[in-house]
């Protein structure tokens, strides 16, 4: 099954192209708080825009070198026509870069349509009412694109499908530490969810959970937790940790279990329920309680038996650098062993961190 997840992720563009040939619309999603349920309820397939390990894309972006690698890489792929199957892009804002890079996309008309999703940083009645109106407006525009009006019943069904996916992810992360699923394999389990129709991924997850590989024989490897944003860099760090006798037993990625670990409760107005389900619920820098985020990481480490934490930052990612500076205060207060890594998305950049990772492993022995 792991090979299936990996193959689906690696062939994401081919799969999306096939979906397009079947007459379906596709919306690209930039960042983890885009309400995919809303897109799905309009009969459109949401697909996450993810980075590709090819340094040439950054040079093709035409963006300044000091901007984050994610924005440069995605813009390079866009300029290289990689996402030509996309009918529009929906961007949820988390920083100045990912708010204004879409302005460049809009100016250059690289997509037929670009939407900016402005979610409030609060979750009081005024914020929920505002975001509910925004979601209703987006629903109208998505309906015009697809030719299928978004109804309350359609949205309820879509939320149910994504809630099922969240539930399956939670079951996986509860079972993972005691299973034989490696850290690299776990990355592809969630990465494939970013680029597949939710119905297909739910079916794969059910089959996968029904027959998880057995736990390996007990070893003396140091158990770690990994917090990260970039998929390619995460795989490199997982391998690097393994090189020095460690095993990543759990992780916390922007797009995986923590993105969807809490089901959306429908109570009355389904559009308002969707708004409430996203405000202050998705752990994004500046839009989520720092102490709650720190306690979540600490508790996840405890459940998985992790002895140390690697917090992986992408170079020039100001939002997550800010988040780490606050989280570090909690980690230090709790004497939680951790290593911050800040690097570019290249194998050479990660490999240069050899000594730091090795030293951290030695400090945990």
Foldseek 3Di string as FASTA:
>chain_A
DLVVLVVLLVCLLVVLVVVVVVVAAEEEEEFLLDLQLLLVLLRHFYAYQAFDLDVVLLVQQPDDPLAFPGLSRSSSCLSVCSVVRHQEYEYEDQDPVSVCSVVVCVVVVSHVYYHYQDQDLDQDPVRLVVNLVVSQVVQVVSNVVSVGRRDLVSSVVSLVLLLLVLVLLVVCLLCQLQFCQAPLSVLSLQSSCNRDGSVVSSVVSVVCVVCTHGHDDDDDAAEEEEEDEHSLLVVLVQVLSVVQRHGHRYYHYQHGNQSRNDRQDDDPRNSSSSSSCRQQRRPGQSSHDLVVVLVVVVVSCVSSVHQAYEYEAERSPVRVVVSVVVSVVVCVVVVGHYHYHYFHSHSVGSVVCNVVSNVSSVVSD
